[in-house]
Amino acid sequence: MQNRPALRAHKLMAYAIALAALLAVFALYTRPDFLVTLADQVWACF
């Protein structure tokens, strides 16, 4: 049998980490200089 409180805590921690990562990516996209650098790097691949 699984330890339900520990499983719930791990699942909650995973969701919190995923949310933090998504918020960090969103914060980067609000910076125009980051978007220009990203576009330049993608364009350099071709």
PDB file of N, CA and C in Angstrom:
ATOM      1  N   MET A   1       0.835  -1.186   0.000  1.00  0.00           N
ATOM      2  CA  MET A   1       0.000   0.000   0.000  1.00  0.00           C
ATOM      3  C   MET A   1       0.882   1.253   0.000  1.00  0.00           C
ATOM      4  N   GLN A   2       0.462   2.220  -0.743  1.00  0.00           N
ATOM      5  CA  GLN A   2       1.241   3.450  -0.859  1.00  0.00           C
ATOM      6  C   GLN A   2       0.989   4.360   0.340  1.00  0.00           C
ATOM      7  N   ASN A   3       1.967   5.163   0.609  1.00  0.00           N
ATOM      8  CA  ASN A   3       1.839   6.143   1.673  1.00  0.00           C
ATOM      9  C   ASN A   3       1.150   7.372   1.083  1.00  0.00           C
ATOM     10  N   ARG A   4      -0.135   7.501   1.298  1.00  0.00           N
ATOM     11  CA  ARG A   4      -0.935   8.542   0.640  1.00  0.00           C
ATOM     12  C   ARG A   4      -0.479   9.967   0.956  1.00  0.00           C
ATOM     13  N   PRO A   5      -0.212  10.332   2.209  1.00  0.00           N
ATOM     14  CA  PRO A   5       0.225  11.724   2.453  1.00  0.00           C
ATOM     15  C   PRO A   5       1.554  12.058   1.771  1.00  0.00           C
ATOM     16  N   ALA A   6       2.479  11.110   1.753  1.00  0.00           N
ATOM     17  CA  ALA A   6       3.768  11.359   1.097  1.00  0.00           C
ATOM     18  C   ALA A   6       3.572  11.473  -0.413  1.00  0.00           C
ATOM     19  N   LEU A   7       2.726  10.637  -0.986  1.00  0.00           N
ATOM     20  CA  LEU A   7       2.453  10.686  -2.421  1.00  0.00           C
ATOM     21  C   LEU A   7       1.802  12.019  -2.780  1.00  0.00           C
ATOM     22  N   ARG A   8       0.884  12.458  -1.939  1.00  0.00           N
ATOM     23  CA  ARG A   8       0.215  13.733  -2.186  1.00  0.00           C
ATOM     24  C   ARG A   8       1.208  14.893  -2.088  1.00  0.00           C
ATOM     25  N   ALA A   9       2.118  14.831  -1.144  1.00  0.00           N
ATOM     26  CA  ALA A   9       3.118  15.885  -0.980  1.00  0.00           C
ATOM     27  C   ALA A   9       4.051  15.919  -2.184  1.00  0.00           C
ATOM     28  N   HIS A  10       4.453  14.758  -2.689  1.00  0.00           N
ATOM     29  CA  HIS A  10       5.324  14.715  -3.863  1.00  0.00           C
ATOM     30  C   HIS A  10       4.609  15.257  -5.102  1.00  0.00           C
ATOM     31  N   LYS A  11       3.347  14.919  -5.241  1.00  0.00           N
ATOM     32  CA  LYS A  11       2.582  15.405  -6.386  1.00  0.00           C
ATOM     33  C   LYS A  11       2.406  16.927  -6.297  1.00  0.00           C
ATOM     34  N   LEU A  12       2.135  17.423  -5.107  1.00  0.00           N
ATOM     35  CA  LEU A  12       1.991  18.864  -4.921  1.00  0.00           C
ATOM     36  C   LEU A  12       3.309  19.584  -5.196  1.00  0.00           C
ATOM     37  N   MET A  13       4.408  18.997  -4.771  1.00  0.00           N
ATOM     38  CA  MET A  13       5.724  19.589  -5.027  1.00  0.00           C
ATOM     39  C   MET A  13       6.026  19.602  -6.523  1.00  0.00           C
ATOM     40  N   ALA A  14       5.677  18.545  -7.230  1.00  0.00           N
ATOM     41  CA  ALA A  14       5.901  18.489  -8.679  1.00  0.00           C
ATOM     42  C   ALA A  14       5.088  19.564  -9.387  1.00  0.00           C
ATOM     43  N   TYR A  15       3.837  19.747  -8.987  1.00  0.00           N
ATOM     44  CA  TYR A  15       3.014  20.799  -9.576  1.00  0.00           C
ATOM     45  C   TYR A  15       3.583  22.185  -9.283  1.00  0.00           C
ATOM     46  N   ALA A  16       4.088  22.386  -8.079  1.00  0.00           N
ATOM     47  CA  ALA A  16       4.663  23.681  -7.708  1.00  0.00           C
ATOM     48  C   ALA A  16       5.913  23.977  -8.533  1.00  0.00           C
ATOM     49  N   ILE A  17       6.744  22.973  -8.747  1.00  0.00           N
ATOM     50  CA  ILE A  17       7.952  23.153  -9.554  1.00  0.00           C
ATOM     51  C   ILE A  17       7.583  23.445 -11.014  1.00  0.00           C
ATOM     52  N   ALA A  18       6.596  22.726 -11.528  1.00  0.00           N
ATOM     53  CA  ALA A  18       6.163  22.959 -12.909  1.00  0.00           C
ATOM     54  C   ALA A  18       5.587  24.364 -13.060  1.00  0.00           C
ATOM     55  N   LEU A  19       4.811  24.808 -12.095  1.00  0.00           N
ATOM     56  CA  LEU A  19       4.248  26.156 -12.148  1.00  0.00           C
ATOM     57  C   LEU A  19       5.343  27.212 -12.074  1.00  0.00           C
ATOM     58  N   ALA A  20       6.328  27.001 -11.232  1.00  0.00           N
ATOM     59  CA  ALA A  20       7.436  27.947 -11.126  1.00  0.00           C
ATOM     60  C   ALA A  20       8.212  28.019 -12.441  1.00  0.00           C
ATOM     61  N   ALA A  21       8.419  26.880 -13.083  1.00  0.00           N
ATOM     62  CA  ALA A  21       9.125  26.869 -14.369  1.00  0.00           C
ATOM     63  C   ALA A  21       8.322  27.607 -15.434  1.00  0.00           C
ATOM     64  N   LEU A  22       7.017  27.398 -15.472  1.00  0.00           N
ATOM     65  CA  LEU A  22       6.180  28.088 -16.446  1.00  0.00           C
ATOM     66  C   LEU A  22       6.167  29.594 -16.208  1.00  0.00           C
ATOM     67  N   LEU A  23       6.108  30.001 -14.955  1.00  0.00           N
ATOM     68  CA  LEU A  23       6.139  31.426 -14.638  1.00  0.00           C
ATOM     69  C   LEU A  23       7.486  32.053 -15.003  1.00  0.00           C
ATOM     70  N   ALA A  24       8.568  31.311 -14.816  1.00  0.00           N
ATOM     71  CA  ALA A  24       9.885  31.819 -15.182  1.00  0.00           C
ATOM     72  C   ALA A  24       9.984  32.007 -16.693  1.00  0.00           C
ATOM     73  N   VAL A  25       9.467  31.066 -17.459  1.00  0.00           N
ATOM     74  CA  VAL A  25       9.483  31.192 -18.920  1.00  0.00           C
ATOM     75  C   VAL A  25       8.615  32.377 -19.347  1.00  0.00           C
ATOM     76  N   PHE A  26       7.460  32.527 -18.733  1.00  0.00           N
ATOM     77  CA  PHE A  26       6.595  33.664 -19.057  1.00  0.00           C
ATOM     78  C   PHE A  26       7.297  34.988 -18.748  1.00  0.00           C
ATOM     79  N   ALA A  27       7.999  35.047 -17.639  1.00  0.00           N
ATOM     80  CA  ALA A  27       8.719  36.266 -17.272  1.00  0.00           C
ATOM     81  C   ALA A  27       9.797  36.584 -18.297  1.00  0.00           C
ATOM     82  N   LEU A  28      10.463  35.567 -18.837  1.00  0.00           N
ATOM     83  CA  LEU A  28      11.470  35.813 -19.867  1.00  0.00           C
ATOM     84  C   LEU A  28      10.845  36.359 -21.148  1.00  0.00           C
ATOM     85  N   TYR A  29       9.661  35.891 -21.488  1.00  0.00           N
ATOM     86  CA  TYR A  29       9.027  36.339 -22.714  1.00  0.00           C
ATOM     87  C   TYR A  29       8.513  37.765 -22.621  1.00  0.00           C
ATOM     88  N   THR A  30       8.449  38.340 -21.439  1.00  0.00           N
ATOM     89  CA  THR A  30       8.025  39.733 -21.310  1.00  0.00           C
ATOM     90  C   THR A  30       9.200  40.687 -21.521  1.00  0.00           C
ATOM     91  N   ARG A  31      10.394  40.143 -21.693  1.00  0.00           N
ATOM     92  CA  ARG A  31      11.597  40.964 -21.914  1.00  0.00           C
ATOM     93  C   ARG A  31      11.915  40.971 -23.402  1.00  0.00           C
ATOM     94  N   PRO A  32      11.778  42.110 -24.068  1.00  0.00           N
ATOM     95  CA  PRO A  32      12.005  42.165 -25.517  1.00  0.00           C
ATOM     96  C   PRO A  32      13.421  41.769 -25.934  1.00  0.00           C
ATOM     97  N   ASP A  33      14.421  42.107 -25.139  1.00  0.00           N
ATOM     98  CA  ASP A  33      15.792  41.753 -25.521  1.00  0.00           C
ATOM     99  C   ASP A  33      15.991  40.242 -25.538  1.00  0.00           C
ATOM    100  N   PHE A  34      15.313  39.533 -24.659  1.00  0.00           N
ATOM    101  CA  PHE A  34      15.383  38.072 -24.665  1.00  0.00           C
ATOM    102  C   PHE A  34      14.759  37.515 -25.935  1.00  0.00           C
ATOM    103  N   LEU A  35      13.626  38.086 -26.324  1.00  0.00           N
ATOM    104  CA  LEU A  35      12.959  37.602 -27.532  1.00  0.00           C
ATOM    105  C   LEU A  35      13.818  37.833 -28.777  1.00  0.00           C
ATOM    106  N   VAL A  36      14.487  38.969 -28.844  1.00  0.00           N
ATOM    107  CA  VAL A  36      15.354  39.245 -29.991  1.00  0.00           C
ATOM    108  C   VAL A  36      16.524  38.263 -30.011  1.00  0.00           C
ATOM    109  N   THR A  37      17.121  38.021 -28.862  1.00  0.00           N
ATOM    110  CA  THR A  37      18.233  37.072 -28.784  1.00  0.00           C
ATOM    111  C   THR A  37      17.778  35.667 -29.170  1.00  0.00           C
ATOM    112  N   LEU A  38      16.626  35.267 -28.679  1.00  0.00           N
ATOM    113  CA  LEU A  38      16.083  33.946 -29.017  1.00  0.00           C
ATOM    114  C   LEU A  38      15.807  33.833 -30.515  1.00  0.00           C
ATOM    115  N   ALA A  39      15.221  34.864 -31.097  1.00  0.00           N
ATOM    116  CA  ALA A  39      14.953  34.857 -32.535  1.00  0.00           C
ATOM    117  C   ALA A  39      16.247  34.789 -33.339  1.00  0.00           C
ATOM    118  N   ASP A  40      17.261  35.521 -32.906  1.00  0.00           N
ATOM    119  CA  ASP A  40      18.551  35.481 -33.599  1.00  0.00           C
ATOM    120  C   ASP A  40      19.179  34.088 -33.527  1.00  0.00           C
ATOM    121  N   GLN A  41      19.064  33.438 -32.384  1.00  0.00           N
ATOM    122  CA  GLN A  41      19.641  32.099 -32.239  1.00  0.00           C
ATOM    123  C   GLN A  41      18.892  31.079 -33.079  1.00  0.00           C
ATOM    124  N   VAL A  42      17.576  31.194 -33.124  1.00  0.00           N
ATOM    125  CA  VAL A  42      16.784  30.267 -33.961  1.00  0.00           C
ATOM    126  C   VAL A  42      17.100  30.505 -35.429  1.00  0.00           C
ATOM    127  N   TRP A  43      17.206  31.779 -35.826  1.00  0.00           N
ATOM    128  CA  TRP A  43      17.499  32.103 -37.225  1.00  0.00           C
ATOM    129  C   TRP A  43      18.890  31.610 -37.616  1.00  0.00           C
ATOM    130  N   ALA A  44      19.825  31.635 -36.678  1.00  0.00           N
ATOM    131  CA  ALA A  44      21.190  31.184 -36.961  1.00  0.00           C
ATOM    132  C   ALA A  44      21.251  29.678 -37.251  1.00  0.00           C
ATOM    133  N   CYS A  45      20.255  28.934 -36.811  1.00  0.00           N
ATOM    134  CA  CYS A  45      20.222  27.491 -37.087  1.00  0.00           C
ATOM    135  C   CYS A  45      19.972  27.201 -38.549  1.00  0.00           C
ATOM    136  N   PHE A  46      19.367  28.130 -39.270  1.00  0.00           N
ATOM    137  CA  PHE A  46      19.041  27.924 -40.674  1.00  0.00           C
ATOM    138  C   PHE A  46      20.018  28.687 -41.511  1.00  0.00           C
TER     139      PHE A  46
END
